[in-house]
Amino acid sequence: MPAFLIRNIPKKTHEQIKKRAKRHGNSTEAELRLIVAEAARSEGTPEVATAQKPAVGLGTMLQEIARKHGVSFPDFVRDKTPIEPMTFD
């Protein structure tokens, strides 16, 4: 698959792209792919018109399947108590 290497991006621009990616739930790389695809699409390039947002994660997909079939999972709260390190005495 083709790739781009972009050098000398201003620090503020880099930070803004990272924030945008976080807002959209993407990695910085995935967000940049979306930005590039949108820019190319606005130029009327038909081969990138099908660019899509990255797929959802496995956990989200399994939850959607379970909900579709009426399965509910009990709510639980994670135990955030720090664990004791293992000792080898």
N, C-alpha and C. Protein backbone atom coordinates (compact mmCIF):
# COMPACT_ATOMS: atom_id res chain seq x y z
N MET A 1 0.85 -1.17 0.00
CA MET A 1 0.00 0.00 0.00
C MET A 1 0.90 1.23 0.00
N PRO A 2 0.56 2.24 -0.78
CA PRO A 2 1.38 3.46 -0.84
C PRO A 2 1.40 4.17 0.51
N ALA A 3 2.45 4.95 0.72
CA ALA A 3 2.59 5.68 1.98
C ALA A 3 3.17 7.06 1.71
N PHE A 4 2.90 7.99 2.62
CA PHE A 4 3.46 9.33 2.58
C PHE A 4 4.35 9.51 3.80
N LEU A 5 5.38 10.33 3.64
CA LEU A 5 6.20 10.74 4.77
C LEU A 5 6.19 12.25 4.75
N ILE A 6 5.69 12.85 5.81
CA ILE A 6 5.58 14.30 5.87
C ILE A 6 6.51 14.79 6.96
N ARG A 7 7.45 15.63 6.57
CA ARG A 7 8.43 16.15 7.52
C ARG A 7 8.13 17.60 7.87
N ASN A 8 8.70 18.03 8.98
CA ASN A 8 8.66 19.43 9.41
C ASN A 8 7.25 19.97 9.61
N ILE A 9 6.40 19.18 10.23
CA ILE A 9 5.06 19.63 10.57
C ILE A 9 5.18 20.51 11.81
N PRO A 10 4.59 21.69 11.80
CA PRO A 10 4.66 22.53 13.00
C PRO A 10 4.08 21.81 14.22
N LYS A 11 4.69 22.02 15.37
CA LYS A 11 4.28 21.33 16.59
C LYS A 11 2.80 21.57 16.90
N LYS A 12 2.33 22.81 16.71
CA LYS A 12 0.93 23.13 16.99
C LYS A 12 0.00 22.34 16.07
N THR A 13 0.36 22.21 14.81
CA THR A 13 -0.45 21.44 13.86
C THR A 13 -0.50 19.98 14.29
N HIS A 14 0.64 19.43 14.68
CA HIS A 14 0.71 18.04 15.13
C HIS A 14 -0.19 17.83 16.34
N GLU A 15 -0.15 18.74 17.30
CA GLU A 15 -0.98 18.63 18.49
C GLU A 15 -2.46 18.71 18.14
N GLN A 16 -2.82 19.61 17.21
CA GLN A 16 -4.22 19.76 16.81
C GLN A 16 -4.73 18.49 16.13
N ILE A 17 -3.91 17.86 15.31
CA ILE A 17 -4.32 16.63 14.65
C ILE A 17 -4.49 15.51 15.67
N LYS A 18 -3.59 15.44 16.65
CA LYS A 18 -3.73 14.43 17.70
C LYS A 18 -5.02 14.64 18.49
N LYS A 19 -5.36 15.89 18.81
CA LYS A 19 -6.60 16.18 19.53
C LYS A 19 -7.82 15.81 18.68
N ARG A 20 -7.76 16.14 17.39
CA ARG A 20 -8.87 15.81 16.49
C ARG A 20 -9.06 14.29 16.44
N ALA A 21 -7.97 13.56 16.34
CA ALA A 21 -8.04 12.10 16.29
C ALA A 21 -8.67 11.56 17.56
N LYS A 22 -8.28 12.10 18.70
CA LYS A 22 -8.83 11.64 19.97
C LYS A 22 -10.33 11.90 20.04
N ARG A 23 -10.75 13.09 19.57
CA ARG A 23 -12.19 13.42 19.56
C ARG A 23 -12.99 12.44 18.72
N HIS A 24 -12.38 11.99 17.61
CA HIS A 24 -13.07 11.08 16.70
C HIS A 24 -12.84 9.61 17.07
N GLY A 25 -12.06 9.36 18.11
CA GLY A 25 -11.81 7.98 18.53
C GLY A 25 -10.88 7.23 17.60
N ASN A 26 -9.98 7.95 16.94
CA ASN A 26 -9.04 7.34 16.00
C ASN A 26 -7.60 7.50 16.48
N SER A 27 -6.74 6.70 15.89
CA SER A 27 -5.31 6.95 16.07
C SER A 27 -4.96 8.16 15.21
N THR A 28 -3.81 8.76 15.47
CA THR A 28 -3.38 9.89 14.67
C THR A 28 -3.22 9.48 13.21
N GLU A 29 -2.67 8.31 12.99
CA GLU A 29 -2.47 7.82 11.62
C GLU A 29 -3.80 7.62 10.90
N ALA A 30 -4.77 7.03 11.58
CA ALA A 30 -6.09 6.82 10.96
C ALA A 30 -6.75 8.16 10.65
N GLU A 31 -6.60 9.12 11.55
CA GLU A 31 -7.19 10.44 11.32
C GLU A 31 -6.55 11.11 10.11
N LEU A 32 -5.24 10.97 9.98
CA LEU A 32 -4.56 11.55 8.81
C LEU A 32 -5.03 10.90 7.52
N ARG A 33 -5.27 9.58 7.54
CA ARG A 33 -5.80 8.92 6.36
C ARG A 33 -7.15 9.49 5.97
N LEU A 34 -8.00 9.74 6.98
CA LEU A 34 -9.31 10.32 6.71
C LEU A 34 -9.19 11.74 6.14
N ILE A 35 -8.28 12.53 6.70
CA ILE A 35 -8.08 13.90 6.22
C ILE A 35 -7.61 13.88 4.76
N VAL A 36 -6.65 13.02 4.45
CA VAL A 36 -6.13 12.94 3.08
C VAL A 36 -7.22 12.44 2.13
N ALA A 37 -7.99 11.44 2.54
CA ALA A 37 -9.06 10.92 1.70
C ALA A 37 -10.11 12.00 1.44
N GLU A 38 -10.45 12.78 2.46
CA GLU A 38 -11.43 13.86 2.30
C GLU A 38 -10.90 14.93 1.35
N ALA A 39 -9.63 15.26 1.49
CA ALA A 39 -9.03 16.26 0.59
C ALA A 39 -9.05 15.76 -0.86
N ALA A 40 -8.72 14.50 -1.05
CA ALA A 40 -8.73 13.94 -2.41
C ALA A 40 -10.16 13.85 -2.94
N ARG A 41 -11.10 13.50 -2.08
CA ARG A 41 -12.51 13.39 -2.49
C ARG A 41 -13.03 14.75 -2.92
N SER A 42 -12.62 15.82 -2.24
CA SER A 42 -13.09 17.15 -2.58
C SER A 42 -12.55 17.59 -3.94
N GLU A 43 -11.49 16.94 -4.39
CA GLU A 43 -10.94 17.21 -5.72
C GLU A 43 -11.63 16.37 -6.79
N GLY A 44 -12.55 15.50 -6.35
CA GLY A 44 -13.32 14.70 -7.29
C GLY A 44 -12.64 13.42 -7.73
N THR A 45 -11.71 12.92 -6.96
CA THR A 45 -11.03 11.68 -7.31
C THR A 45 -11.94 10.51 -6.96
N PRO A 46 -12.48 9.78 -7.96
CA PRO A 46 -13.46 8.74 -7.67
C PRO A 46 -12.92 7.55 -6.88
N GLU A 47 -11.63 7.20 -7.02
CA GLU A 47 -11.13 5.99 -6.36
C GLU A 47 -11.04 6.10 -4.85
N VAL A 48 -11.07 7.31 -4.27
CA VAL A 48 -11.04 7.44 -2.82
C VAL A 48 -12.41 7.79 -2.26
N ALA A 49 -13.41 7.85 -3.10
CA ALA A 49 -14.74 8.21 -2.63
C ALA A 49 -15.30 7.18 -1.67
N THR A 50 -14.74 5.97 -1.65
CA THR A 50 -15.23 4.92 -0.77
C THR A 50 -14.44 4.83 0.54
N ALA A 51 -13.50 5.77 0.77
CA ALA A 51 -12.73 5.73 2.01
C ALA A 51 -13.68 5.82 3.20
N GLN A 52 -13.49 4.94 4.17
CA GLN A 52 -14.38 4.86 5.31
C GLN A 52 -13.61 5.04 6.60
N LYS A 53 -14.35 5.36 7.62
CA LYS A 53 -13.77 5.43 8.95
C LYS A 53 -13.35 4.02 9.38
N PRO A 54 -12.27 3.89 10.14
CA PRO A 54 -11.83 2.56 10.57
C PRO A 54 -12.95 1.79 11.28
N ALA A 55 -12.91 0.48 11.16
CA ALA A 55 -13.93 -0.39 11.75
C ALA A 55 -13.92 -0.27 13.27
N VAL A 56 -15.04 -0.64 13.87
CA VAL A 56 -15.12 -0.62 15.34
C VAL A 56 -14.30 -1.77 15.90
N GLY A 57 -13.99 -1.68 17.17
CA GLY A 57 -13.20 -2.72 17.82
C GLY A 57 -13.99 -4.00 18.04
N LEU A 58 -13.29 -5.07 18.35
CA LEU A 58 -13.90 -6.37 18.54
C LEU A 58 -14.91 -6.36 19.68
N GLY A 59 -14.57 -5.73 20.80
CA GLY A 59 -15.48 -5.69 21.94
C GLY A 59 -16.80 -5.01 21.60
N THR A 60 -16.71 -3.88 20.90
CA THR A 60 -17.91 -3.15 20.49
C THR A 60 -18.75 -4.00 19.54
N MET A 61 -18.09 -4.68 18.63
CA MET A 61 -18.79 -5.53 17.67
C MET A 61 -19.52 -6.67 18.39
N LEU A 62 -18.86 -7.30 19.36
CA LEU A 62 -19.49 -8.39 20.11
C LEU A 62 -20.69 -7.89 20.93
N GLN A 63 -20.57 -6.70 21.50
CA GLN A 63 -21.69 -6.13 22.25
C GLN A 63 -22.89 -5.88 21.33
N GLU A 64 -22.63 -5.36 20.13
CA GLU A 64 -23.71 -5.11 19.18
C GLU A 64 -24.40 -6.40 18.78
N ILE A 65 -23.64 -7.46 18.55
CA ILE A 65 -24.22 -8.76 18.20
C ILE A 65 -25.07 -9.28 19.35
N ALA A 66 -24.56 -9.17 20.56
CA ALA A 66 -25.29 -9.66 21.74
C ALA A 66 -26.60 -8.89 21.91
N ARG A 67 -26.54 -7.55 21.79
CA ARG A 67 -27.76 -6.75 21.92
C ARG A 67 -28.80 -7.12 20.87
N LYS A 68 -28.33 -7.38 19.66
CA LYS A 68 -29.22 -7.74 18.56
C LYS A 68 -30.00 -9.02 18.88
N HIS A 69 -29.38 -9.91 19.64
CA HIS A 69 -29.99 -11.19 20.00
C HIS A 69 -30.60 -11.18 21.40
N GLY A 70 -30.71 -10.00 22.00
CA GLY A 70 -31.38 -9.88 23.30
C GLY A 70 -30.56 -10.31 24.48
N VAL A 71 -29.26 -10.47 24.32
CA VAL A 71 -28.41 -10.87 25.43
C VAL A 71 -27.97 -9.62 26.17
N SER A 72 -28.07 -9.65 27.48
CA SER A 72 -27.60 -8.51 28.26
C SER A 72 -26.49 -8.99 29.19
N PHE A 73 -25.57 -8.12 29.41
CA PHE A 73 -24.45 -8.43 30.28
C PHE A 73 -24.62 -7.67 31.59
N PRO A 74 -24.28 -8.28 32.71
CA PRO A 74 -24.40 -7.56 33.97
C PRO A 74 -23.39 -6.42 34.03
N ASP A 75 -23.81 -5.34 34.65
CA ASP A 75 -22.88 -4.23 34.84
C ASP A 75 -21.88 -4.65 35.91
N PHE A 76 -20.67 -4.25 35.73
CA PHE A 76 -19.66 -4.55 36.74
C PHE A 76 -18.73 -3.37 36.87
N VAL A 77 -18.14 -3.27 38.02
CA VAL A 77 -17.18 -2.22 38.29
C VAL A 77 -15.81 -2.87 38.43
N ARG A 78 -14.87 -2.36 37.69
CA ARG A 78 -13.52 -2.92 37.78
C ARG A 78 -12.91 -2.64 39.13
N ASP A 79 -12.21 -3.63 39.64
CA ASP A 79 -11.49 -3.46 40.90
C ASP A 79 -10.18 -2.75 40.59
N LYS A 80 -10.06 -1.52 41.03
CA LYS A 80 -8.87 -0.73 40.73
C LYS A 80 -7.89 -0.71 41.90
N THR A 81 -8.07 -1.65 42.83
CA THR A 81 -7.16 -1.75 43.96
C THR A 81 -5.79 -2.18 43.46
N PRO A 82 -4.76 -1.45 43.84
CA PRO A 82 -3.42 -1.83 43.39
C PRO A 82 -3.05 -3.23 43.87
N ILE A 83 -2.40 -3.97 43.03
CA ILE A 83 -2.00 -5.32 43.41
C ILE A 83 -0.63 -5.27 44.09
N GLU A 84 -0.38 -6.27 44.87
CA GLU A 84 0.93 -6.38 45.51
C GLU A 84 1.89 -7.03 44.53
N PRO A 85 3.07 -6.47 44.37
CA PRO A 85 4.04 -7.09 43.47
C PRO A 85 4.43 -8.48 43.95
N MET A 86 4.72 -9.35 43.04
CA MET A 86 5.12 -10.70 43.37
C MET A 86 6.53 -10.70 43.96
N THR A 87 6.74 -11.51 44.94
CA THR A 87 8.09 -11.63 45.52
C THR A 87 8.61 -13.04 45.30
N PHE A 88 9.88 -13.15 45.17
CA PHE A 88 10.51 -14.44 44.92
C PHE A 88 11.46 -14.81 46.06
N ASP A 89 10.97 -14.70 47.28
CA ASP A 89 11.81 -14.99 48.45
C ASP A 89 11.86 -16.47 48.74
